């Protein structure tokens, strides 16, 4: 018999944390983007649009994986 505590709700089953640190973002890209590339893009994040993907909490910088993917796929002319 399954109790209420053992049943998973859709929110619990699908919940993932979309914010990762720099090493996590590199791993998310399957090491196709290097740390030096990311740091270069971060230098001009306010003009290249990357700022909306980044959050600072204390001394840690977090990146939203979904927003980063959208930013990366955006065509720059």
PDB file of N, CA and C in Angstrom:
ATOM      1  N   UNK A   1       0.844  -1.177   0.000  1.00  0.00           N
ATOM      2  CA  UNK A   1       0.000   0.000   0.000  1.00  0.00           C
ATOM      3  C   UNK A   1       0.892   1.244   0.000  1.00  0.00           C
ATOM      4  N   UNK A   2       0.573   2.197  -0.838  1.00  0.00           N
ATOM      5  CA  UNK A   2       1.352   3.432  -0.950  1.00  0.00           C
ATOM      6  C   UNK A   2       0.693   4.503  -0.090  1.00  0.00           C
ATOM      7  N   UNK A   3       1.504   5.115   0.771  1.00  0.00           N
ATOM      8  CA  UNK A   3       0.994   6.191   1.615  1.00  0.00           C
ATOM      9  C   UNK A   3       1.115   7.515   0.886  1.00  0.00           C
ATOM     10  N   UNK A   4       0.466   8.528   1.432  1.00  0.00           N
ATOM     11  CA  UNK A   4       0.520   9.860   0.830  1.00  0.00           C
ATOM     12  C   UNK A   4       1.948  10.393   0.778  1.00  0.00           C
ATOM     13  N   UNK A   5       2.757  10.076   1.767  1.00  0.00           N
ATOM     14  CA  UNK A   5       4.134  10.561   1.814  1.00  0.00           C
ATOM     15  C   UNK A   5       4.985   9.928   0.721  1.00  0.00           C
ATOM     16  N   UNK A   6       4.614   8.719   0.265  1.00  0.00           N
ATOM     17  CA  UNK A   6       5.403   8.031  -0.741  1.00  0.00           C
ATOM     18  C   UNK A   6       5.016   8.425  -2.164  1.00  0.00           C
ATOM     19  N   UNK A   7       3.835   8.985  -2.342  1.00  0.00           N
ATOM     20  CA  UNK A   7       3.404   9.394  -3.673  1.00  0.00           C
ATOM     21  C   UNK A   7       4.130  10.675  -4.077  1.00  0.00           C
ATOM     22  N   UNK A   8       4.590  10.690  -5.331  1.00  0.00           N
ATOM     23  CA  UNK A   8       5.265  11.880  -5.839  1.00  0.00           C
ATOM     24  C   UNK A   8       4.274  12.728  -6.613  1.00  0.00           C
ATOM     25  N   UNK A   9       4.306  14.002  -6.364  1.00  0.00           N
ATOM     26  CA  UNK A   9       3.494  14.914  -7.144  1.00  0.00           C
ATOM     27  C   UNK A   9       4.270  15.287  -8.396  1.00  0.00           C
ATOM     28  N   UNK A  10       3.601  15.767  -9.431  1.00  0.00           N
ATOM     29  CA  UNK A  10       4.330  16.169 -10.646  1.00  0.00           C
ATOM     30  C   UNK A  10       5.388  17.226 -10.372  1.00  0.00           C
ATOM     31  N   UNK A  11       5.136  18.133  -9.411  1.00  0.00           N
ATOM     32  CA  UNK A  11       6.124  19.162  -9.114  1.00  0.00           C
ATOM     33  C   UNK A  11       7.384  18.545  -8.520  1.00  0.00           C
ATOM     34  N   UNK A  12       7.247  17.544  -7.664  1.00  0.00           N
ATOM     35  CA  UNK A  12       8.418  16.916  -7.064  1.00  0.00           C
ATOM     36  C   UNK A  12       9.187  16.106  -8.100  1.00  0.00           C
ATOM     37  N   UNK A  13       8.492  15.450  -8.986  1.00  0.00           N
ATOM     38  CA  UNK A  13       9.124  14.595  -9.972  1.00  0.00           C
ATOM     39  C   UNK A  13       9.905  15.395 -11.005  1.00  0.00           C
ATOM     40  N   UNK A  14       9.379  16.555 -11.418  1.00  0.00           N
ATOM     41  CA  UNK A  14       9.990  17.341 -12.478  1.00  0.00           C
ATOM     42  C   UNK A  14      10.872  18.474 -11.971  1.00  0.00           C
ATOM     43  N   UNK A  15      11.012  18.606 -10.677  1.00  0.00           N
ATOM     44  CA  UNK A  15      11.751  19.754 -10.162  1.00  0.00           C
ATOM     45  C   UNK A  15      13.253  19.569 -10.375  1.00  0.00           C
ATOM     46  N   UNK A  16      13.842  20.560 -10.999  1.00  0.00           N
ATOM     47  CA  UNK A  16      15.289  20.609 -11.174  1.00  0.00           C
ATOM     48  C   UNK A  16      15.729  22.018 -10.851  1.00  0.00           C
ATOM     49  N   UNK A  17      16.957  22.149 -10.477  1.00  0.00           N
ATOM     50  CA  UNK A  17      17.507  23.468 -10.168  1.00  0.00           C
ATOM     51  C   UNK A  17      18.225  23.964 -11.410  1.00  0.00           C
ATOM     52  N   UNK A  18      17.749  25.054 -11.977  1.00  0.00           N
ATOM     53  CA  UNK A  18      18.285  25.552 -13.237  1.00  0.00           C
ATOM     54  C   UNK A  18      19.506  26.445 -13.081  1.00  0.00           C
ATOM     55  N   UNK A  19      19.896  26.765 -11.854  1.00  0.00           N
ATOM     56  CA  UNK A  19      21.028  27.665 -11.623  1.00  0.00           C
ATOM     57  C   UNK A  19      22.257  26.857 -11.236  1.00  0.00           C
ATOM     58  N   UNK A  20      23.367  27.094 -11.933  1.00  0.00           N
ATOM     59  CA  UNK A  20      24.616  26.377 -11.679  1.00  0.00           C
ATOM     60  C   UNK A  20      25.768  27.376 -11.578  1.00  0.00           C
ATOM     61  N   UNK A  21      26.855  26.935 -10.978  1.00  0.00           N
ATOM     62  CA  UNK A  21      28.061  27.752 -10.902  1.00  0.00           C
ATOM     63  C   UNK A  21      28.842  27.608 -12.209  1.00  0.00           C
ATOM     64  N   UNK A  22      29.949  28.296 -12.307  1.00  0.00           N
ATOM     65  CA  UNK A  22      30.762  28.269 -13.525  1.00  0.00           C
ATOM     66  C   UNK A  22      31.171  26.847 -13.921  1.00  0.00           C
ATOM     67  N   UNK A  23      31.718  26.043 -12.995  1.00  0.00           N
ATOM     68  CA  UNK A  23      32.053  24.667 -13.393  1.00  0.00           C
ATOM     69  C   UNK A  23      30.827  23.861 -13.821  1.00  0.00           C
ATOM     70  N   UNK A  24      29.692  24.118 -13.193  1.00  0.00           N
ATOM     71  CA  UNK A  24      28.463  23.427 -13.575  1.00  0.00           C
ATOM     72  C   UNK A  24      27.995  23.811 -14.970  1.00  0.00           C
ATOM     73  N   UNK A  25      28.183  25.081 -15.332  1.00  0.00           N
ATOM     74  CA  UNK A  25      27.803  25.533 -16.669  1.00  0.00           C
ATOM     75  C   UNK A  25      28.722  24.918 -17.718  1.00  0.00           C
ATOM     76  N   UNK A  26      29.986  24.817 -17.404  1.00  0.00           N
ATOM     77  CA  UNK A  26      30.923  24.178 -18.329  1.00  0.00           C
ATOM     78  C   UNK A  26      30.527  22.726 -18.532  1.00  0.00           C
ATOM     79  N   UNK A  27      30.188  22.030 -17.460  1.00  0.00           N
ATOM     80  CA  UNK A  27      29.737  20.638 -17.563  1.00  0.00           C
ATOM     81  C   UNK A  27      28.428  20.553 -18.345  1.00  0.00           C
ATOM     82  N   UNK A  28      27.547  21.539 -18.155  1.00  0.00           N
ATOM     83  CA  UNK A  28      26.262  21.566 -18.872  1.00  0.00           C
ATOM     84  C   UNK A  28      26.484  21.657 -20.380  1.00  0.00           C
ATOM     85  N   UNK A  29      27.545  22.314 -20.809  1.00  0.00           N
ATOM     86  CA  UNK A  29      27.845  22.438 -22.238  1.00  0.00           C
ATOM     87  C   UNK A  29      28.693  21.282 -22.750  1.00  0.00           C
ATOM     88  N   UNK A  30      28.851  20.248 -21.936  1.00  0.00           N
ATOM     89  CA  UNK A  30      29.680  19.084 -22.293  1.00  0.00           C
ATOM     90  C   UNK A  30      31.106  19.503 -22.639  1.00  0.00           C
ATOM     91  N   UNK A  31      31.619  20.468 -21.912  1.00  0.00           N
ATOM     92  CA  UNK A  31      32.973  20.999 -22.066  1.00  0.00           C
ATOM     93  C   UNK A  31      33.224  21.594 -23.453  1.00  0.00           C
ATOM     94  N   UNK A  32      32.160  21.995 -24.147  1.00  0.00           N
ATOM     95  CA  UNK A  32      32.317  22.647 -25.443  1.00  0.00           C
ATOM     96  C   UNK A  32      32.623  24.132 -25.289  1.00  0.00           C
ATOM     97  N   UNK A  33      32.307  24.683 -24.129  1.00  0.00           N
ATOM     98  CA  UNK A  33      32.620  26.072 -23.806  1.00  0.00           C
ATOM     99  C   UNK A  33      33.632  26.047 -22.668  1.00  0.00           C
ATOM    100  N   UNK A  34      34.726  26.756 -22.831  1.00  0.00           N
ATOM    101  CA  UNK A  34      35.777  26.737 -21.813  1.00  0.00           C
ATOM    102  C   UNK A  34      35.552  27.837 -20.772  1.00  0.00           C
ATOM    103  N   UNK A  35      36.259  27.708 -19.662  1.00  0.00           N
ATOM    104  CA  UNK A  35      36.180  28.723 -18.611  1.00  0.00           C
ATOM    105  C   UNK A  35      36.669  30.069 -19.121  1.00  0.00           C
ATOM    106  N   UNK A  36      37.722  30.069 -19.916  1.00  0.00           N
ATOM    107  CA  UNK A  36      38.242  31.341 -20.428  1.00  0.00           C
ATOM    108  C   UNK A  36      37.251  32.001 -21.389  1.00  0.00           C
ATOM    109  N   UNK A  37      36.529  31.208 -22.190  1.00  0.00           N
ATOM    110  CA  UNK A  37      35.504  31.778 -23.056  1.00  0.00           C
ATOM    111  C   UNK A  37      34.407  32.431 -22.225  1.00  0.00           C
ATOM    112  N   UNK A  38      33.939  31.725 -21.188  1.00  0.00           N
ATOM    113  CA  UNK A  38      32.890  32.269 -20.334  1.00  0.00           C
ATOM    114  C   UNK A  38      33.343  33.547 -19.646  1.00  0.00           C
ATOM    115  N   UNK A  39      34.558  33.558 -19.141  1.00  0.00           N
ATOM    116  CA  UNK A  39      35.060  34.755 -18.467  1.00  0.00           C
ATOM    117  C   UNK A  39      35.171  35.927 -19.449  1.00  0.00           C
ATOM    118  N   UNK A  40      35.527  35.645 -20.695  1.00  0.00           N
ATOM    119  CA  UNK A  40      35.596  36.690 -21.709  1.00  0.00           C
ATOM    120  C   UNK A  40      34.206  37.260 -21.971  1.00  0.00           C
ATOM    121  N   UNK A  41      33.205  36.388 -22.102  1.00  0.00           N
ATOM    122  CA  UNK A  41      31.835  36.846 -22.325  1.00  0.00           C
ATOM    123  C   UNK A  41      31.322  37.621 -21.118  1.00  0.00           C
ATOM    124  N   UNK A  42      31.734  37.214 -19.923  1.00  0.00           N
ATOM    125  CA  UNK A  42      31.280  37.884 -18.704  1.00  0.00           C
ATOM    126  C   UNK A  42      31.825  39.309 -18.586  1.00  0.00           C
ATOM    127  N   UNK A  43      32.974  39.552 -19.173  1.00  0.00           N
ATOM    128  CA  UNK A  43      33.553  40.900 -19.103  1.00  0.00           C
ATOM    129  C   UNK A  43      32.630  41.944 -19.725  1.00  0.00           C
ATOM    130  N   UNK A  44      31.888  41.540 -20.749  1.00  0.00           N
ATOM    131  CA  UNK A  44      30.985  42.493 -21.413  1.00  0.00           C
ATOM    132  C   UNK A  44      29.535  42.020 -21.345  1.00  0.00           C
ATOM    133  N   UNK A  45      29.173  41.412 -20.221  1.00  0.00           N
ATOM    134  CA  UNK A  45      27.825  40.845 -20.091  1.00  0.00           C
ATOM    135  C   UNK A  45      26.725  41.891 -20.174  1.00  0.00           C
ATOM    136  N   UNK A  46      27.012  43.120 -19.800  1.00  0.00           N
ATOM    137  CA  UNK A  46      25.974  44.150 -19.845  1.00  0.00           C
ATOM    138  C   UNK A  46      25.666  44.583 -21.282  1.00  0.00           C
ATOM    139  N   UNK A  47      26.586  44.400 -22.196  1.00  0.00           N
ATOM    140  CA  UNK A  47      26.351  44.796 -23.587  1.00  0.00           C
ATOM    141  C   UNK A  47      26.033  43.622 -24.505  1.00  0.00           C
ATOM    142  N   UNK A  48      26.442  42.409 -24.129  1.00  0.00           N
ATOM    143  CA  UNK A  48      26.188  41.270 -25.014  1.00  0.00           C
ATOM    144  C   UNK A  48      24.932  40.483 -24.638  1.00  0.00           C
ATOM    145  N   UNK A  49      24.225  40.878 -23.581  1.00  0.00           N
ATOM    146  CA  UNK A  49      22.974  40.233 -23.204  1.00  0.00           C
ATOM    147  C   UNK A  49      23.110  39.091 -22.220  1.00  0.00           C
ATOM    148  N   UNK A  50      24.321  38.737 -21.842  1.00  0.00           N
ATOM    149  CA  UNK A  50      24.531  37.628 -20.922  1.00  0.00           C
ATOM    150  C   UNK A  50      24.118  37.965 -19.489  1.00  0.00           C
ATOM    151  N   UNK A  51      23.982  39.231 -19.173  1.00  0.00           N
ATOM    152  CA  UNK A  51      23.664  39.664 -17.806  1.00  0.00           C
ATOM    153  C   UNK A  51      22.362  39.067 -17.293  1.00  0.00           C
ATOM    154  N   UNK A  52      21.384  38.850 -18.182  1.00  0.00           N
ATOM    155  CA  UNK A  52      20.108  38.301 -17.728  1.00  0.00           C
ATOM    156  C   UNK A  52      20.223  36.843 -17.311  1.00  0.00           C
ATOM    157  N   UNK A  53      21.316  36.188 -17.660  1.00  0.00           N
ATOM    158  CA  UNK A  53      21.534  34.777 -17.315  1.00  0.00           C
ATOM    159  C   UNK A  53      22.308  34.603 -16.020  1.00  0.00           C
ATOM    160  N   UNK A  54      22.815  35.695 -15.453  1.00  0.00           N
ATOM    161  CA  UNK A  54      23.752  35.625 -14.329  1.00  0.00           C
ATOM    162  C   UNK A  54      23.141  36.258 -13.078  1.00  0.00           C
ATOM    163  N   UNK A  55      23.368  35.611 -11.932  1.00  0.00           N
ATOM    164  CA  UNK A  55      22.968  36.151 -10.626  1.00  0.00           C
ATOM    165  C   UNK A  55      24.143  36.021  -9.670  1.00  0.00           C
ATOM    166  N   UNK A  56      24.361  37.062  -8.887  1.00  0.00           N
ATOM    167  CA  UNK A  56      25.396  37.032  -7.860  1.00  0.00           C
ATOM    168  C   UNK A  56      24.732  36.834  -6.503  1.00  0.00           C
ATOM    169  N   UNK A  57      25.197  35.868  -5.754  1.00  0.00           N
ATOM    170  CA  UNK A  57      24.740  35.614  -4.390  1.00  0.00           C
ATOM    171  C   UNK A  57      25.987  35.531  -3.515  1.00  0.00           C
ATOM    172  N   UNK A  58      26.212  36.595  -2.766  1.00  0.00           N
ATOM    173  CA  UNK A  58      27.448  36.662  -1.991  1.00  0.00           C
ATOM    174  C   UNK A  58      28.612  36.786  -2.957  1.00  0.00           C
ATOM    175  N   UNK A  59      29.557  35.885  -2.846  1.00  0.00           N
ATOM    176  CA  UNK A  59      30.705  35.881  -3.748  1.00  0.00           C
ATOM    177  C   UNK A  59      30.565  34.850  -4.862  1.00  0.00           C
ATOM    178  N   UNK A  60      29.417  34.182  -4.910  1.00  0.00           N
ATOM    179  CA  UNK A  60      29.185  33.150  -5.920  1.00  0.00           C
ATOM    180  C   UNK A  60      28.404  33.712  -7.098  1.00  0.00           C
ATOM    181  N   UNK A  61      28.745  33.254  -8.282  1.00  0.00           N
ATOM    182  CA  UNK A  61      28.052  33.626  -9.497  1.00  0.00           C
ATOM    183  C   UNK A  61      27.305  32.396  -9.997  1.00  0.00           C
ATOM    184  N   UNK A  62      26.020  32.572 -10.283  1.00  0.00           N
ATOM    185  CA  UNK A  62      25.191  31.473 -10.754  1.00  0.00           C
ATOM    186  C   UNK A  62      24.661  31.800 -12.146  1.00  0.00           C
ATOM    187  N   UNK A  63      24.561  30.770 -12.963  1.00  0.00           N
ATOM    188  CA  UNK A  63      24.088  30.903 -14.330  1.00  0.00           C
ATOM    189  C   UNK A  63      22.822  30.078 -14.497  1.00  0.00           C
ATOM    190  N   UNK A  64      21.827  30.646 -15.185  1.00  0.00           N
ATOM    191  CA  UNK A  64      20.614  29.919 -15.497  1.00  0.00           C
ATOM    192  C   UNK A  64      20.863  29.148 -16.792  1.00  0.00           C
ATOM    193  N   UNK A  65      20.747  27.828 -16.721  1.00  0.00           N
ATOM    194  CA  UNK A  65      21.065  26.985 -17.874  1.00  0.00           C
ATOM    195  C   UNK A  65      20.149  27.255 -19.062  1.00  0.00           C
ATOM    196  N   UNK A  66      18.857  27.408 -18.813  1.00  0.00           N
ATOM    197  CA  UNK A  66      17.913  27.625 -19.908  1.00  0.00           C
ATOM    198  C   UNK A  66      18.131  28.982 -20.567  1.00  0.00           C
ATOM    199  N   UNK A  67      18.331  30.013 -19.762  1.00  0.00           N
ATOM    200  CA  UNK A  67      18.581  31.340 -20.327  1.00  0.00           C
ATOM    201  C   UNK A  67      19.913  31.378 -21.078  1.00  0.00           C
ATOM    202  N   UNK A  68      20.919  30.675 -20.554  1.00  0.00           N
ATOM    203  CA  UNK A  68      22.210  30.625 -21.236  1.00  0.00           C
ATOM    204  C   UNK A  68      22.062  29.949 -22.597  1.00  0.00           C
ATOM    205  N   UNK A  69      21.313  28.836 -22.650  1.00  0.00           N
ATOM    206  CA  UNK A  69      21.103  28.150 -23.927  1.00  0.00           C
ATOM    207  C   UNK A  69      20.437  29.080 -24.934  1.00  0.00           C
ATOM    208  N   UNK A  70      19.423  29.816 -24.495  1.00  0.00           N
ATOM    209  CA  UNK A  70      18.731  30.755 -25.386  1.00  0.00           C
ATOM    210  C   UNK A  70      19.684  31.852 -25.838  1.00  0.00           C
ATOM    211  N   UNK A  71      20.501  32.371 -24.909  1.00  0.00           N
ATOM    212  CA  UNK A  71      21.471  33.415 -25.257  1.00  0.00           C
ATOM    213  C   UNK A  71      22.492  32.881 -26.263  1.00  0.00           C
ATOM    214  N   UNK A  72      22.977  31.673 -26.027  1.00  0.00           N
ATOM    215  CA  UNK A  72      24.005  31.087 -26.881  1.00  0.00           C
ATOM    216  C   UNK A  72      23.474  30.836 -28.296  1.00  0.00           C
ATOM    217  N   UNK A  73      22.209  30.418 -28.385  1.00  0.00           N
ATOM    218  CA  UNK A  73      21.630  30.099 -29.697  1.00  0.00           C
ATOM    219  C   UNK A  73      21.200  31.342 -30.467  1.00  0.00           C
ATOM    220  N   UNK A  74      21.132  32.482 -29.766  1.00  0.00           N
ATOM    221  CA  UNK A  74      20.727  33.723 -30.419  1.00  0.00           C
ATOM    222  C   UNK A  74      21.783  34.111 -31.448  1.00  0.00           C
ATOM    223  N   UNK A  75      21.316  34.451 -32.639  1.00  0.00           N
ATOM    224  CA  UNK A  75      22.231  34.821 -33.714  1.00  0.00           C
ATOM    225  C   UNK A  75      22.754  36.238 -33.508  1.00  0.00           C
ATOM    226  N   UNK A  76      24.057  36.379 -33.516  1.00  0.00           N
ATOM    227  CA  UNK A  76      24.691  37.682 -33.366  1.00  0.00           C
ATOM    228  C   UNK A  76      25.301  38.056 -34.713  1.00  0.00           C
ATOM    229  N   UNK A  77      24.947  39.241 -35.168  1.00  0.00           N
ATOM    230  CA  UNK A  77      25.442  39.692 -36.478  1.00  0.00           C
ATOM    231  C   UNK A  77      26.591  40.638 -36.289  1.00  0.00           C
TER     232      UNK A  77
END
